[in-house]
Amino acid sequence: PHVFVCLICDQAEKMWLFRAFFRFIAMQNNRVLSMKSKIKIGITDCARYANYEKWFLDAPESVDVICLSYRLNNADDVEKCDGICLSGGEDVHPKVYKKPEVLEKLNLVDIDENRDDFELKIIEKALKNKLPILGICRGMQLFNCYLGGTLMHDIPSVTQLNGHGKVQGIDQRHDINVAEKTLLNEITGCLTGAVNSSHHQCVETLANDLLIAAKAEDPVVEATQWKDIDGNSFFLGVQWHPERMPDQDNPFASKIRQAFLAHIIEKSVKSNTTVIPTASTAC
């Protein structure tokens, strides 16, 4: 292990410097010798799984993917993963967010209870192992439900807003507003931007441990993160689909993947690095 000695007079400055330092090393990708030869990303199975797989395999970092699916009964494969991507897809069953009465208002074809049950186990295992997690669309919603939040079962029927679901099978596009000093703001460097949109459900009551990182102009919740970033492993939830945005140079597309992978590398660096703080001195 490497040994670093830091002489910093302020604890807040110390934490900031440590985070910045490890982030810098993590972004060096292949220069990080302590990282395993390939980053293993567990991706929850869905109808468009291939989109997520390709998105990660196209990253400049060396990545392997593991399909996590109730059909494979392989929840234990989380132990092989360095990070988890909770993918999009079917509606979350309303029993998960304690609103069974809205079930009759939903299309049962769009609900998969087996998937819900399986992925709740995946979240539990990932949190236990302190794995970085990226939640996309349904993935962000399910993570909120796991932590005790609720969902709006159908945006158009509840709010009469129609700017979020597909139109004739094509993703819509709309602007979002990013909260200052949030993880998403740090990743993208933006306070506004345009994203794709393909959903009819959304976060309604936010889980206590989360905060809102971005909203649409509606304002539907578009991104979430931990309230206590320093006390938890990486989590970012986004309501859009960065993996299938045509313009990957959009800061709300490939930069999301880059930040997720960088945090995985950062976690590996920290686990293989010994930092020895010394007594504070005047700066």
Protein backbone atom coordinates (compact mmCIF):
# COMPACT_ATOMS: atom_id res chain seq x y z
CA PRO A 1 0.00 0.00 0.00
CA HIS A 2 0.97 3.59 -0.58
CA VAL A 3 1.46 5.96 2.33
CA PHE A 4 0.56 9.64 2.15
CA VAL A 5 1.21 12.21 4.86
CA CYS A 6 -1.07 15.26 4.97
CA LEU A 7 -0.43 18.42 6.96
CA ILE A 8 -3.72 20.28 6.98
CA CYS A 9 -4.99 22.65 9.60
CA ASP A 10 -8.72 22.28 9.06
CA GLN A 11 -10.76 19.05 9.13
CA ALA A 12 -13.11 20.26 6.38
CA GLU A 13 -10.14 21.15 4.20
CA LYS A 14 -8.65 17.74 4.94
CA MET A 15 -11.80 15.93 3.78
CA TRP A 16 -12.03 18.11 0.68
CA LEU A 17 -8.41 17.47 -0.23
CA PHE A 18 -8.70 13.72 0.33
CA ARG A 19 -11.77 13.55 -1.90
CA ALA A 20 -10.17 15.70 -4.60
CA PHE A 21 -6.95 13.70 -4.45
CA PHE A 22 -8.63 10.32 -4.78
CA ARG A 23 -10.91 11.66 -7.51
CA PHE A 24 -7.84 12.82 -9.46
CA ILE A 25 -6.18 9.42 -9.17
CA ALA A 26 -9.40 7.62 -10.08
CA MET A 27 -9.77 9.66 -13.26
CA GLN A 28 -6.36 8.43 -14.44
CA ASN A 29 -8.06 5.11 -15.27
CA ASN A 30 -5.36 2.76 -16.54
CA ARG A 31 -2.64 4.44 -14.49
CA VAL A 32 -4.18 3.18 -11.26
CA LEU A 33 -2.15 0.08 -10.58
CA SER A 34 -4.13 -0.97 -7.54
CA MET A 35 -7.33 -1.44 -9.55
CA LYS A 36 -8.20 -4.91 -10.77
CA SER A 37 -7.68 -5.55 -14.48
CA LYS A 38 -11.37 -5.02 -15.22
CA ILE A 39 -14.18 -3.20 -13.47
CA LYS A 40 -17.17 -5.50 -13.01
CA ILE A 41 -20.55 -3.79 -13.29
CA GLY A 42 -23.69 -5.65 -12.31
CA ILE A 43 -26.61 -4.50 -14.47
CA THR A 44 -30.16 -5.50 -13.57
CA ASP A 45 -31.89 -7.29 -16.41
CA CYS A 46 -34.55 -5.57 -18.53
CA ALA A 47 -35.97 -5.63 -22.05
CA ARG A 48 -33.31 -3.18 -23.24
CA TYR A 49 -30.44 -4.69 -21.29
CA ALA A 50 -28.25 -4.62 -24.42
CA ASN A 51 -28.28 -0.80 -24.40
CA TYR A 52 -26.82 -0.69 -20.89
CA GLU A 53 -24.29 -3.41 -21.64
CA LYS A 54 -23.03 -1.61 -24.75
CA TRP A 55 -22.89 1.74 -22.94
CA PHE A 56 -20.58 0.36 -20.28
CA LEU A 57 -18.48 -1.74 -22.64
CA ASP A 58 -17.96 1.35 -24.82
CA ALA A 59 -16.34 3.18 -21.88
CA PRO A 60 -12.61 3.91 -22.21
CA GLU A 61 -12.11 2.09 -18.91
CA SER A 62 -11.73 -1.69 -19.02
CA VAL A 63 -15.17 -3.02 -18.03
CA ASP A 64 -16.91 -6.37 -17.72
CA VAL A 65 -20.66 -6.62 -17.12
CA ILE A 66 -22.70 -9.14 -15.16
CA CYS A 67 -26.41 -9.53 -15.89
CA LEU A 68 -28.34 -9.68 -12.62
CA SER A 69 -31.72 -11.33 -13.17
CA TYR A 70 -34.32 -13.24 -11.19
CA ARG A 71 -34.50 -15.57 -14.18
CA LEU A 72 -30.87 -16.48 -13.47
CA ASN A 73 -31.45 -16.50 -9.71
CA ASN A 74 -28.02 -14.92 -9.32
CA ALA A 75 -28.40 -12.28 -6.61
CA ASP A 76 -25.23 -13.67 -5.02
CA ASP A 77 -23.29 -12.44 -8.05
CA VAL A 78 -23.40 -9.00 -6.42
CA GLU A 79 -20.37 -10.28 -4.48
CA LYS A 80 -18.43 -10.30 -7.76
CA CYS A 81 -19.39 -6.72 -8.66
CA ASP A 82 -17.53 -3.45 -8.16
CA GLY A 83 -20.65 -1.38 -8.84
CA ILE A 84 -24.35 -1.79 -9.61
CA CYS A 85 -26.49 -0.21 -12.32
CA LEU A 86 -30.22 -0.40 -11.58
CA SER A 87 -31.76 -0.29 -15.04
CA GLY A 88 -35.07 1.01 -16.36
CA GLY A 89 -38.09 -0.95 -17.52
CA GLU A 90 -41.37 -2.04 -15.97
CA ASP A 91 -43.46 -0.09 -13.48
CA VAL A 92 -42.70 -0.73 -9.83
CA HIS A 93 -45.57 -2.63 -8.20
CA PRO A 94 -47.50 -0.20 -5.95
CA LYS A 95 -47.24 -2.58 -3.00
CA VAL A 96 -43.53 -1.67 -2.90
CA TYR A 97 -44.39 1.96 -2.16
CA LYS A 98 -47.38 1.16 0.06
CA LYS A 99 -50.12 2.21 -2.40
CA PRO A 100 -51.86 -1.06 -3.35
CA GLU A 101 -55.06 0.84 -4.12
CA VAL A 102 -53.59 2.24 -7.37
CA LEU A 103 -52.89 -1.21 -8.85
CA GLU A 104 -56.24 -1.26 -10.66
CA LYS A 105 -55.22 1.93 -12.47
CA LEU A 106 -52.08 0.35 -13.94
CA ASN A 107 -51.50 -2.06 -16.80
CA LEU A 108 -50.51 -5.37 -15.20
CA VAL A 109 -48.48 -6.23 -18.31
CA ASP A 110 -46.10 -3.43 -17.31
CA ILE A 111 -45.48 -4.84 -13.82
CA ASP A 112 -43.12 -7.65 -12.84
CA GLU A 113 -43.30 -8.50 -9.13
CA ASN A 114 -40.53 -11.07 -9.44
CA ARG A 115 -38.22 -8.41 -10.79
CA ASP A 116 -39.17 -6.00 -7.99
CA ASP A 117 -38.49 -8.58 -5.28
CA PHE A 118 -35.19 -9.62 -6.84
CA GLU A 119 -33.88 -6.09 -7.33
CA LEU A 120 -34.79 -5.06 -3.80
CA LYS A 121 -32.45 -7.86 -2.71
CA ILE A 122 -29.80 -6.51 -5.08
CA ILE A 123 -30.07 -3.07 -3.48
CA GLU A 124 -29.82 -4.58 -0.01
CA LYS A 125 -26.69 -6.53 -0.91
CA ALA A 126 -25.12 -3.59 -2.73
CA LEU A 127 -25.63 -1.28 0.24
CA LYS A 128 -24.28 -3.91 2.62
CA ASN A 129 -21.14 -4.16 0.48
CA LYS A 130 -20.94 -0.35 0.12
CA LEU A 131 -20.96 -0.62 -3.67
CA PRO A 132 -21.39 2.47 -5.86
CA ILE A 133 -24.89 2.47 -7.38
CA LEU A 134 -26.26 4.19 -10.48
CA GLY A 135 -30.06 4.18 -10.75
CA ILE A 136 -31.56 4.90 -14.16
CA CYS A 137 -35.27 5.73 -14.59
CA ARG A 138 -37.05 2.85 -12.82
CA GLY A 139 -33.78 2.19 -10.99
CA MET A 140 -33.88 5.62 -9.36
CA GLN A 141 -37.55 5.09 -8.46
CA LEU A 142 -36.99 1.64 -6.95
CA PHE A 143 -34.06 2.88 -4.86
CA ASN A 144 -36.29 5.64 -3.48
CA CYS A 145 -38.94 3.03 -2.61
CA TYR A 146 -36.38 0.78 -0.92
CA LEU A 147 -35.46 3.66 1.39
CA GLY A 148 -39.11 4.39 2.23
CA GLY A 149 -40.12 6.89 -0.43
CA THR A 150 -43.19 6.69 -2.67
CA LEU A 151 -44.01 7.08 -6.36
CA MET A 152 -46.66 8.86 -8.36
CA HIS A 153 -48.26 5.96 -10.23
CA ASP A 154 -49.10 7.90 -13.41
CA ILE A 155 -47.99 11.47 -14.09
CA PRO A 156 -50.55 12.33 -16.82
CA SER A 157 -53.63 11.14 -14.90
CA VAL A 158 -52.55 12.74 -11.62
CA THR A 159 -51.10 16.03 -12.87
CA GLN A 160 -52.27 16.34 -16.49
CA LEU A 161 -48.63 16.78 -17.48
CA ASN A 162 -47.70 15.02 -20.71
CA GLY A 163 -44.07 15.96 -21.30
CA HIS A 164 -42.34 12.87 -19.93
CA GLY A 165 -43.57 9.73 -21.72
CA LYS A 166 -42.70 8.56 -25.20
CA VAL A 167 -44.57 9.98 -28.20
CA GLN A 168 -45.17 7.41 -30.95
CA GLY A 169 -42.42 5.26 -29.49
CA ILE A 170 -39.83 8.04 -29.39
CA ASP A 171 -38.27 9.55 -26.27
CA GLN A 172 -39.31 13.10 -25.51
CA ARG A 173 -36.75 15.76 -24.66
CA HIS A 174 -37.04 18.46 -22.01
CA ASP A 175 -34.94 20.75 -19.86
CA ILE A 176 -33.92 20.13 -16.27
CA ASN A 177 -32.69 22.40 -13.50
CA VAL A 178 -29.79 21.11 -11.41
CA ALA A 179 -29.42 22.08 -7.76
CA GLU A 180 -26.17 23.85 -6.91
CA LYS A 181 -23.39 21.97 -5.12
CA THR A 182 -25.00 18.59 -5.74
CA LEU A 183 -23.25 15.51 -7.10
CA LEU A 184 -24.91 16.02 -10.49
CA ASN A 185 -23.74 19.64 -10.55
CA GLU A 186 -20.21 18.48 -9.73
CA ILE A 187 -20.27 15.79 -12.43
CA THR A 188 -21.71 17.86 -15.27
CA GLY A 189 -20.59 21.37 -14.35
CA CYS A 190 -24.11 22.47 -15.33
CA LEU A 191 -27.12 24.03 -13.62
CA THR A 192 -29.41 23.46 -16.61
CA GLY A 193 -29.52 21.07 -19.51
CA ALA A 194 -31.65 18.95 -21.82
CA VAL A 195 -32.30 15.22 -21.34
CA ASN A 196 -34.36 12.49 -22.97
CA SER A 197 -37.52 11.28 -21.25
CA SER A 198 -39.46 8.01 -21.35
CA HIS A 199 -41.49 7.50 -18.17
CA HIS A 200 -44.99 7.94 -16.78
CA GLN A 201 -44.15 7.37 -13.10
CA CYS A 202 -41.95 9.52 -10.88
CA VAL A 203 -40.75 10.10 -7.34
CA GLU A 204 -43.58 11.54 -5.24
CA THR A 205 -42.40 11.40 -1.62
CA LEU A 206 -38.63 11.48 -1.36
CA ALA A 207 -36.95 9.04 1.03
CA ASN A 208 -35.55 10.76 4.12
CA ASP A 209 -31.96 9.81 3.32
CA LEU A 210 -32.06 11.31 -0.17
CA LEU A 211 -32.09 14.80 -1.59
CA ILE A 212 -33.23 16.13 -4.95
CA ALA A 213 -30.36 16.92 -7.30
CA ALA A 214 -32.45 18.02 -10.29
CA LYS A 215 -36.02 18.74 -11.34
CA ALA A 216 -37.82 19.29 -14.60
CA GLU A 217 -39.55 22.63 -15.03
CA ASP A 218 -42.85 20.86 -14.09
CA PRO A 219 -41.25 20.19 -11.52
CA VAL A 220 -40.94 16.37 -11.68
CA VAL A 221 -37.93 14.98 -9.78
CA GLU A 222 -35.19 14.19 -12.30
CA ALA A 223 -32.19 13.23 -10.15
CA THR A 224 -31.51 12.12 -6.57
CA GLN A 225 -28.49 11.46 -4.38
CA TRP A 226 -27.62 10.80 -0.75
CA LYS A 227 -28.09 13.66 1.68
CA ASP A 228 -24.91 12.53 3.39
CA ILE A 229 -22.49 11.94 0.53
CA ASP A 230 -19.43 11.49 2.71
CA GLY A 231 -21.15 8.91 4.92
CA ASN A 232 -22.25 6.65 2.05
CA SER A 233 -20.90 5.04 -1.09
CA PHE A 234 -21.70 6.71 -4.40
CA PHE A 235 -25.35 6.83 -5.40
CA LEU A 236 -26.83 8.85 -8.23
CA GLY A 237 -30.34 8.36 -9.55
CA VAL A 238 -31.38 9.90 -12.87
CA GLN A 239 -34.86 9.81 -14.37
CA TRP A 240 -33.62 10.03 -17.94
CA HIS A 241 -31.71 7.44 -19.99
CA PRO A 242 -28.06 8.48 -20.43
CA GLU A 243 -27.26 5.09 -21.93
CA ARG A 244 -29.36 5.80 -25.02
CA MET A 245 -28.96 9.53 -25.50
CA PRO A 246 -27.94 10.01 -29.17
CA ASP A 247 -25.49 12.77 -28.23
CA GLN A 248 -23.09 11.19 -25.75
CA ASP A 249 -21.20 14.50 -25.59
CA ASN A 250 -24.21 15.89 -23.74
CA PRO A 251 -22.89 16.43 -20.18
CA PHE A 252 -25.88 14.44 -18.87
CA ALA A 253 -24.87 11.32 -20.82
CA SER A 254 -21.36 9.84 -20.84
CA LYS A 255 -20.17 12.04 -17.95
CA ILE A 256 -22.61 10.12 -15.75
CA ARG A 257 -20.92 6.86 -16.68
CA GLN A 258 -17.48 8.40 -16.30
CA ALA A 259 -18.23 9.64 -12.77
CA PHE A 260 -19.74 6.29 -11.74
CA LEU A 261 -16.69 4.37 -12.92
CA ALA A 262 -14.34 6.95 -11.38
CA HIS A 263 -15.97 6.44 -7.99
CA ILE A 264 -15.52 2.68 -8.34
CA ILE A 265 -11.82 3.18 -9.03
CA GLU A 266 -11.61 5.69 -6.19
CA LYS A 267 -13.13 3.13 -3.81
CA SER A 268 -10.55 0.58 -4.93
CA VAL A 269 -7.70 3.05 -4.47
CA LYS A 270 -8.87 3.91 -0.96
CA SER A 271 -9.15 0.27 0.01
CA ASN A 272 -5.55 -0.27 -1.08
CA THR A 273 -4.13 2.98 0.33
CA THR A 274 -3.09 3.93 3.84
CA VAL A 275 -3.44 7.61 4.68
CA ILE A 276 -1.67 8.72 7.84
CA PRO A 277 -2.84 12.16 9.05
CA THR A 278 -0.43 14.00 11.32
CA ALA A 279 -0.90 16.67 13.94
CA SER A 280 -2.36 19.89 12.57
CA THR A 281 0.01 22.73 11.82
CA ALA A 282 -0.60 26.32 10.85
CA CYS A 283 -1.14 26.78 7.12
